[in-house]
Protein backbone atom coordinates (compact mmCIF):
# COMPACT_ATOMS: atom_id res chain seq x y z
CA UNK A 1 64.29 -15.66 -31.60
CA UNK A 2 60.85 -12.93 -31.61
CA UNK A 3 59.76 -11.46 -28.36
CA UNK A 4 56.02 -11.23 -27.46
CA UNK A 5 54.96 -8.07 -25.38
CA UNK A 6 52.52 -6.94 -23.23
CA UNK A 7 49.92 -5.27 -24.63
CA UNK A 8 49.90 -1.65 -22.37
CA UNK A 9 46.18 -1.10 -23.37
CA UNK A 10 44.86 -4.51 -22.81
CA UNK A 11 42.02 -3.57 -20.07
CA UNK A 12 39.44 -6.02 -18.98
CA UNK A 13 35.69 -5.53 -16.91
CA UNK A 14 33.32 -7.88 -14.88
CA UNK A 15 30.24 -8.17 -17.14
CA UNK A 16 27.06 -10.58 -16.83
CA UNK A 17 27.75 -13.18 -18.83
CA UNK A 18 24.15 -13.22 -20.05
CA UNK A 19 25.66 -10.52 -22.27
CA UNK A 20 26.40 -13.72 -24.24
CA UNK A 21 24.12 -16.24 -24.64
CA UNK A 22 25.74 -18.80 -26.37
CA UNK A 23 28.14 -18.70 -23.96
CA UNK A 24 27.58 -21.70 -20.85
CA UNK A 25 28.81 -23.99 -18.16
CA UNK A 26 30.34 -27.55 -18.83
CA UNK A 27 30.70 -28.78 -15.77
CA UNK A 28 31.88 -32.39 -14.68
CA UNK A 29 32.65 -33.78 -10.44
CA UNK A 30 36.64 -32.41 -11.19
CA UNK A 31 35.94 -29.12 -13.31
CA UNK A 32 33.81 -26.07 -14.03
CA UNK A 33 34.87 -25.33 -17.62
CA UNK A 34 33.11 -22.54 -20.56
CA UNK A 35 31.24 -24.36 -23.30
CA UNK A 36 29.62 -22.84 -26.27
CA UNK A 37 26.70 -23.26 -28.01
CA UNK A 38 27.11 -24.26 -31.80
CA UNK A 39 24.00 -25.34 -32.34
CA UNK A 40 20.47 -26.26 -29.77
CA UNK A 41 21.36 -29.38 -28.55
CA UNK A 42 25.78 -29.54 -29.37
CA UNK A 43 27.80 -28.13 -27.12
CA UNK A 44 31.88 -27.29 -28.00
CA UNK A 45 34.28 -27.16 -25.50
CA UNK A 46 37.97 -28.56 -24.74
CA UNK A 47 39.33 -32.41 -24.35
CA UNK A 48 40.28 -31.75 -20.81
CA UNK A 49 37.03 -30.95 -19.42
CA UNK A 50 36.14 -34.31 -21.03
CA UNK A 51 38.50 -36.14 -20.40
CA UNK A 52 40.45 -35.56 -16.98
CA UNK A 53 42.78 -37.76 -16.04
CA UNK A 54 46.25 -38.02 -18.48
CA UNK A 55 47.39 -41.32 -16.34
CA UNK A 56 44.54 -43.43 -16.64
CA UNK A 57 46.05 -46.00 -14.86
CA UNK A 58 45.35 -44.54 -10.79
CA UNK A 59 42.09 -43.65 -11.34
CA UNK A 60 38.66 -46.44 -11.11
CA UNK A 61 37.71 -47.96 -14.06
CA UNK A 62 34.03 -46.13 -14.75
CA UNK A 63 35.98 -42.58 -14.26
CA UNK A 64 38.52 -43.86 -17.53
CA UNK A 65 38.62 -41.76 -20.49
CA UNK A 66 35.97 -39.13 -21.80
CA UNK A 67 33.97 -39.30 -18.79
CA UNK A 68 29.96 -40.72 -19.65
CA UNK A 69 27.86 -38.60 -19.49
CA UNK A 70 26.66 -39.20 -16.62
CA UNK A 71 28.07 -37.76 -14.95
CA UNK A 72 28.61 -34.27 -16.52
CA UNK A 73 26.10 -30.96 -16.90
CA UNK A 74 25.68 -28.43 -18.68
CA UNK A 75 24.86 -25.30 -17.35
CA UNK A 76 22.58 -22.16 -17.91
CA UNK A 77 24.17 -18.64 -16.17
CA UNK A 78 20.67 -18.17 -14.01
CA UNK A 79 20.32 -16.08 -10.69
CA UNK A 80 20.59 -18.92 -8.83
CA UNK A 81 23.43 -21.07 -10.62
CA UNK A 82 26.40 -19.58 -7.87
CA UNK A 83 24.35 -21.29 -5.05
CA UNK A 84 23.39 -24.34 -6.67
CA UNK A 85 26.54 -25.18 -8.45
CA UNK A 86 28.81 -24.36 -5.32
CA UNK A 87 26.89 -27.04 -3.63
CA UNK A 88 27.19 -29.82 -5.62
CA UNK A 89 31.21 -28.93 -6.50
CA UNK A 90 31.90 -28.47 -2.57
CA UNK A 91 30.01 -31.94 -2.25
CA UNK A 92 32.48 -34.04 -4.10
CA UNK A 93 35.67 -32.31 -2.30
CA UNK A 94 35.62 -34.89 0.73
CA UNK A 95 36.94 -37.38 -2.40
CA UNK A 96 40.45 -35.54 -2.70
CA UNK A 97 42.15 -38.87 -3.53
CA UNK A 98 43.30 -40.17 -7.05
CA UNK A 99 41.62 -43.24 -5.91
CA UNK A 100 38.55 -42.07 -5.37
CA UNK A 101 37.94 -39.84 -8.45
CA UNK A 102 34.74 -42.73 -8.95
CA UNK A 103 33.47 -41.98 -5.15
CA UNK A 104 33.60 -38.16 -6.43
CA UNK A 105 32.09 -38.63 -10.00
CA UNK A 106 28.55 -40.32 -7.92
CA UNK A 107 28.44 -38.43 -5.92
CA UNK A 108 28.17 -36.16 -8.47
CA UNK A 109 26.31 -37.57 -10.74
CA UNK A 110 23.13 -38.02 -7.36
CA UNK A 111 23.16 -34.70 -7.45
CA UNK A 112 22.67 -33.35 -10.32
CA UNK A 113 19.92 -35.45 -11.02
CA UNK A 114 17.77 -33.08 -8.52
CA UNK A 115 18.44 -30.77 -10.70
CA UNK A 116 18.66 -31.24 -14.72
CA UNK A 117 15.73 -30.47 -16.42
CA UNK A 118 14.94 -26.79 -16.34
CA UNK A 119 15.96 -23.60 -17.94
CA UNK A 120 19.76 -23.40 -15.94
CA UNK A 121 20.79 -27.47 -15.42
CA UNK A 122 20.65 -29.35 -18.23
CA UNK A 123 21.65 -33.45 -18.96
CA UNK A 124 23.33 -34.66 -20.84
CA UNK A 125 23.51 -37.33 -24.27
CA UNK A 126 26.37 -37.98 -25.33
CA UNK A 127 30.10 -36.84 -25.14
CA UNK A 128 33.67 -37.44 -27.50
CA UNK A 129 36.78 -35.71 -27.91
CA UNK A 130 38.77 -35.94 -30.71
CA UNK A 131 39.91 -39.71 -31.32
CA UNK A 132 43.98 -38.77 -31.64
CA UNK A 133 43.61 -36.22 -28.35
CA UNK A 134 44.81 -38.52 -25.95
CA UNK A 135 47.81 -39.66 -27.89
CA UNK A 136 49.37 -36.02 -27.51
CA UNK A 137 48.87 -36.34 -23.07
CA UNK A 138 52.32 -37.86 -23.56
CA UNK A 139 54.51 -34.97 -24.26
CA UNK A 140 54.33 -30.72 -22.50
CA UNK A 141 54.51 -29.30 -25.56
CA UNK A 142 52.31 -31.06 -26.93
CA UNK A 143 49.30 -31.16 -24.83
CA UNK A 144 47.08 -28.83 -26.53
CA UNK A 145 47.07 -31.07 -30.58
CA UNK A 146 43.28 -31.96 -30.51
CA UNK A 147 41.77 -30.54 -27.63
CA UNK A 148 38.88 -30.04 -28.38
CA UNK A 149 34.76 -31.94 -27.52
CA UNK A 150 31.33 -31.72 -27.48
CA UNK A 151 28.59 -32.58 -25.60
CA UNK A 152 25.08 -33.27 -26.99
CA UNK A 153 22.37 -32.61 -24.25
CA UNK A 154 19.25 -34.62 -24.04
CA UNK A 155 16.93 -31.84 -24.30
CA UNK A 156 16.91 -28.03 -27.05
CA UNK A 157 18.34 -24.98 -25.19
CA UNK A 158 15.79 -22.48 -26.00
CA UNK A 159 17.84 -19.67 -27.06
CA UNK A 160 18.30 -17.82 -30.20
CA UNK A 161 21.90 -16.94 -30.56
CA UNK A 162 24.55 -19.63 -31.52
CA UNK A 163 28.08 -18.96 -31.59
CA UNK A 164 30.71 -19.01 -34.96
CA UNK A 165 33.79 -20.12 -35.32
CA UNK A 166 36.56 -18.86 -36.57
CA UNK A 167 38.12 -21.01 -39.83
CA UNK A 168 41.30 -19.02 -40.37
CA UNK A 169 44.68 -18.24 -39.15
CA UNK A 170 44.83 -14.80 -36.02
CA UNK A 171 46.62 -12.11 -38.04
CA UNK A 172 48.60 -10.22 -36.14
CA UNK A 173 46.65 -7.19 -33.29
CA UNK A 174 44.15 -8.94 -34.61
CA UNK A 175 41.59 -6.69 -32.94
CA UNK A 176 38.68 -7.73 -31.12
CA UNK A 177 40.14 -10.54 -29.69
CA UNK A 178 39.19 -11.42 -26.30
CA UNK A 179 39.43 -13.73 -23.36
CA UNK A 180 36.98 -14.82 -21.42
CA UNK A 181 37.01 -16.25 -18.16
CA UNK A 182 35.50 -16.53 -14.59
CA UNK A 183 34.56 -13.29 -12.34
CA UNK A 184 36.88 -12.17 -9.81
CA UNK A 185 36.11 -14.26 -6.49
CA UNK A 186 35.69 -10.41 -4.60
CA UNK A 187 32.66 -9.83 -6.92
CA UNK A 188 30.02 -11.38 -4.71
CA UNK A 189 29.24 -11.50 -0.84
CA UNK A 190 27.10 -14.57 -0.83
CA UNK A 191 28.06 -16.80 1.61
CA UNK A 192 27.03 -19.61 0.66
CA UNK A 193 29.44 -19.44 -1.99
CA UNK A 194 32.57 -18.61 0.35
CA UNK A 195 33.93 -22.00 0.07
CA UNK A 196 36.87 -24.21 -0.73
CA UNK A 197 36.46 -24.48 -4.60
CA UNK A 198 36.21 -20.91 -6.93
CA UNK A 199 35.84 -19.48 -3.90
CA UNK A 200 33.71 -16.49 -4.32
CA UNK A 201 33.39 -16.21 -7.13
CA UNK A 202 29.86 -15.33 -8.97
CA UNK A 203 29.13 -17.24 -12.01
CA UNK A 204 26.54 -14.66 -13.04
CA UNK A 205 29.66 -12.77 -14.31
CA UNK A 206 32.61 -13.13 -16.48
CA UNK A 207 35.82 -11.70 -16.97
CA UNK A 208 36.52 -10.03 -20.69
CA UNK A 209 39.94 -9.24 -21.42
CA UNK A 210 41.17 -7.66 -24.46
CA UNK A 211 44.41 -9.15 -25.99
CA UNK A 212 47.00 -8.79 -28.49
CA UNK A 213 47.25 -11.82 -30.86
CA UNK A 214 50.65 -13.10 -31.96
CA UNK A 215 51.57 -13.43 -35.74
CA UNK A 216 51.61 -16.81 -36.82
CA UNK A 217 55.48 -16.81 -37.59
CA UNK A 218 55.86 -15.18 -34.08
CA UNK A 219 53.98 -17.52 -32.07
CA UNK A 220 55.59 -20.49 -33.44
CA UNK A 221 58.70 -19.10 -33.36
CA UNK A 222 57.66 -18.31 -28.95
CA UNK A 223 56.38 -21.99 -28.86
CA UNK A 224 59.76 -23.70 -30.29
CA UNK A 225 61.44 -21.52 -28.21
CA UNK A 226 60.15 -21.96 -25.36
CA UNK A 227 59.95 -25.98 -25.70
CA UNK A 228 63.15 -26.15 -27.67
CA UNK A 229 61.26 -27.66 -31.14
CA UNK A 230 62.91 -27.69 -34.16
CA UNK A 231 59.64 -27.20 -35.92
CA UNK A 232 56.79 -27.74 -34.64
CA UNK A 233 55.05 -30.92 -33.61
CA UNK A 234 52.27 -33.85 -35.43
CA UNK A 235 51.58 -37.42 -35.00
CA UNK A 236 53.27 -39.62 -37.15
CA UNK A 237 51.01 -41.36 -39.38
CA UNK A 238 47.97 -38.52 -37.90
CA UNK A 239 49.17 -34.29 -39.14
CA UNK A 240 47.48 -31.94 -37.63
CA UNK A 241 44.44 -30.51 -39.89
CA UNK A 242 45.92 -29.16 -43.05
CA UNK A 243 49.70 -29.29 -41.09
CA UNK A 244 48.66 -26.16 -39.46
CA UNK A 245 50.15 -24.81 -35.92
CA UNK A 246 47.14 -26.52 -33.27
CA UNK A 247 48.11 -23.36 -31.40
CA UNK A 248 47.21 -19.23 -31.26
CA UNK A 249 49.37 -17.24 -28.91
CA UNK A 250 49.59 -13.98 -27.63
CA UNK A 251 50.90 -11.04 -25.63
CA UNK A 252 51.13 -11.03 -22.49
CA UNK A 253 47.38 -10.40 -20.74
CA UNK A 254 47.97 -12.30 -17.25
CA UNK A 255 51.18 -11.75 -15.56
CA UNK A 256 51.15 -14.33 -12.71
CA UNK A 257 54.78 -12.32 -11.44
CA UNK A 258 53.90 -9.27 -11.79
CA UNK A 259 56.96 -8.69 -12.87
CA UNK A 260 58.21 -5.59 -15.18
CA UNK A 261 57.81 -6.28 -18.92
CA UNK A 262 61.25 -6.78 -20.38
CA UNK A 263 61.24 -7.61 -24.68
CA UNK A 264 64.92 -7.98 -23.97
CA UNK A 265 64.09 -11.26 -21.66
CA UNK A 266 64.76 -14.60 -24.30
CA UNK A 267 62.07 -16.77 -23.99
CA UNK A 268 63.79 -20.72 -24.22
CA UNK A 269 63.58 -23.56 -21.71
CA UNK A 270 67.18 -23.26 -20.96
CA UNK A 271 66.87 -20.25 -18.66
CA UNK A 272 67.31 -20.42 -15.17
CA UNK A 273 63.68 -19.02 -13.62
CA UNK A 274 60.49 -20.02 -16.10
CA UNK A 275 56.91 -19.80 -15.03
CA UNK A 276 55.17 -22.44 -17.00
CA UNK A 277 51.51 -22.76 -15.81
CA UNK A 278 47.87 -23.16 -17.09
CA UNK A 279 45.09 -20.28 -16.33
CA UNK A 280 41.68 -21.11 -15.88
CA UNK A 281 39.33 -22.52 -18.23
CA UNK A 282 39.10 -19.52 -21.04
CA UNK A 283 37.30 -18.58 -23.70
CA UNK A 284 38.69 -16.32 -26.40
CA UNK A 285 36.64 -14.57 -29.05
CA UNK A 286 36.07 -11.92 -31.87
CA UNK A 287 32.87 -10.61 -32.48
CA UNK A 288 30.58 -11.23 -35.24
CA UNK A 289 27.65 -8.72 -35.53
CA UNK A 290 25.85 -9.83 -32.45
CA UNK A 291 27.40 -13.39 -32.66
CA UNK A 292 31.21 -14.94 -30.91
CA UNK A 293 33.09 -16.51 -33.08
CA UNK A 294 34.73 -19.19 -31.14
CA UNK A 295 39.08 -18.28 -31.95
CA UNK A 296 39.52 -20.75 -29.03
CA UNK A 297 38.19 -22.81 -25.82
CA UNK A 298 40.37 -24.59 -22.75
CA UNK A 299 43.27 -23.83 -20.56
CA UNK A 300 45.14 -21.56 -21.37
CA UNK A 301 49.41 -21.91 -20.83
CA UNK A 302 51.27 -19.14 -20.08
CA UNK A 303 55.00 -19.30 -20.63
CA UNK A 304 57.08 -16.71 -18.95
CA UNK A 305 60.54 -16.09 -18.56
CA UNK A 306 61.59 -14.15 -15.77
CA UNK A 307 65.01 -12.47 -14.58
CA UNK A 308 65.80 -11.57 -11.47
CA UNK A 309 68.09 -9.28 -9.43
CA UNK A 310 68.43 -7.99 -6.09
CA UNK A 311 66.54 -4.91 -7.16
CA UNK A 312 64.23 -5.63 -10.01
CA UNK A 313 62.17 -8.31 -11.96
CA UNK A 314 61.97 -8.32 -15.72
CA UNK A 315 60.62 -11.15 -17.78
CA UNK A 316 58.54 -11.42 -21.60
CA UNK A 317 56.65 -14.62 -22.01
CA UNK A 318 53.43 -15.36 -24.66
CA UNK A 319 50.11 -16.91 -23.74
CA UNK A 320 48.81 -19.92 -25.97
CA UNK A 321 46.07 -21.18 -26.31
CA UNK A 322 43.57 -23.94 -28.54
CA UNK A 323 42.79 -23.75 -31.58
CA UNK A 324 39.19 -25.55 -31.51
CA UNK A 325 38.23 -24.29 -35.45
CA UNK A 326 41.11 -26.43 -36.48
CA UNK A 327 38.66 -29.02 -36.46
CA UNK A 328 35.45 -28.59 -38.24
CA UNK A 329 35.90 -32.06 -39.62
CA UNK A 330 35.98 -33.28 -36.84
CA UNK A 331 33.54 -30.82 -34.72
CA UNK A 332 30.81 -31.75 -37.81
CA UNK A 333 31.80 -35.93 -37.47
CA UNK A 334 30.55 -35.28 -34.30
CA UNK A 335 28.14 -32.96 -34.12
CA UNK A 336 26.32 -35.19 -37.36
CA UNK A 337 26.72 -31.87 -39.30
CA UNK A 338 29.62 -29.41 -40.76
CA UNK A 339 30.17 -26.32 -41.40
CA UNK A 340 29.40 -23.21 -43.68
CA UNK A 341 32.57 -20.98 -45.06
CA UNK A 342 31.42 -18.11 -42.20
CA UNK A 343 31.64 -20.59 -39.12
CA UNK A 344 27.91 -21.48 -38.64
CA UNK A 345 26.93 -24.99 -38.42
CA UNK A 346 24.42 -26.52 -40.55
CA UNK A 347 22.52 -30.09 -40.79
CA UNK A 348 24.20 -30.40 -44.40
CA UNK A 349 26.21 -34.02 -43.49
CA UNK A 350 30.22 -33.80 -43.88
CA UNK A 351 31.53 -35.07 -46.71
CA UNK A 352 32.72 -38.87 -46.26
CA UNK A 353 36.15 -38.51 -46.90
CA UNK A 354 36.73 -35.95 -45.00
CA UNK A 355 36.03 -38.04 -41.81
CA UNK A 356 38.39 -40.45 -43.64
CA UNK A 357 41.12 -39.20 -40.54
CA UNK A 358 39.86 -39.41 -37.03
CA UNK A 359 36.85 -42.94 -37.69
CA UNK A 360 39.09 -45.79 -37.41
CA UNK A 361 37.30 -48.65 -34.76
CA UNK A 362 39.91 -46.61 -31.78
CA UNK A 363 37.75 -43.82 -31.98
CA UNK A 364 35.11 -45.39 -30.57
CA UNK A 365 36.72 -45.85 -26.72
CA UNK A 366 37.03 -41.58 -27.44
CA UNK A 367 33.19 -41.75 -26.87
CA UNK A 368 30.67 -41.69 -24.42
CA UNK A 369 29.47 -45.51 -23.59
CA UNK A 370 25.85 -44.16 -25.08
CA UNK A 371 27.04 -43.63 -28.84
CA UNK A 372 29.29 -46.17 -29.16
CA UNK A 373 26.93 -48.58 -30.43
CA UNK A 374 26.20 -45.54 -33.05
CA UNK A 375 29.21 -44.52 -34.22
CA UNK A 376 30.16 -48.23 -34.50
CA UNK A 377 28.49 -48.13 -38.07
CA UNK A 378 30.56 -46.12 -39.21
CA UNK A 379 34.16 -47.34 -37.74
CA UNK A 380 36.59 -48.96 -39.89
CA UNK A 381 39.72 -49.96 -39.07
CA UNK A 382 41.81 -50.97 -35.36
CA UNK A 383 43.59 -46.83 -34.69
CA UNK A 384 46.92 -47.34 -35.61
CA UNK A 385 50.35 -47.27 -32.73
CA UNK A 386 51.26 -43.25 -32.16
CA UNK A 387 54.31 -42.00 -31.85
CA UNK A 388 54.97 -38.66 -31.23
CA UNK A 389 57.33 -36.49 -33.78
CA UNK A 390 59.80 -33.20 -34.02
């Protein structure tokens, strides 16, 4: 057992999102997510943002699988973004039942059409997630496998700065690791934003929190203890790239129970009092000169074990999040490029041998309709039936 401790020295601050020009919002009818600009027309985000429904049998056909580009929009954090985004997102809330997901998407599409193609809002041309992502949704311990997605834009974003990818595994206590997420709700007094969804959030602001990374051995050990695994999971026939772990871990920086830290509390799925919950959309990064180096983007998960007594509350746990840079080959293929050794996107074509593991006929269902015809040219045999092994 390797205990994960909360970093007592971690600190946070609310800053202007414009201080990080490569960070954008990806808006859908169902959520608002962070994304990173890796070239002038490509935004990297997480698969769960673009593929919002795990149970595909209960939703209308028009929003099954990867969301069509017409149901997506990318937004930059300019002055008027909060009022506009809240108006768009709140207008969809009348369709709250899952059976109404199609109506919700259509409402979103109609509103978005009034705003795209200006300096704040950008229309999406294509959307895709990793071909093996959906299979990960059947088991909780695999939910962040292949959790990566991209959107391409109809027109370029006029920015001079793009993000890099973290390609190497993290070291414990990596200097400068930060978590970027929504600003607290009390950072705005604009009455127009005091509504149900993202209540009171000023979207021109973000919260930056210093976090402490766990070593690879500590991360995997805690993860296996939490999910009672004998080893890190993989897909039968479709293992993770380089047989690597699909996650990074940090110490608890968001203690939702506000219990005092006690590292003697064991991290185990068999514990009697567990707080296991997804946190809000978050982008983890380190700085590299003037650029951001993306470590992970998605919904981090807090696993916290609590030990309650009559007069105190102690807890121990950790946070894990997608290891986005593990999928550089897929990101390169899906964006018609590749990555240099420093993690920068390049328009150099990806070597054909690098895409054999995910360029298959079944992958076409994980692409938005607008790019399926193009993808079909390079897609081969039918994706085999997959099963998860431990």
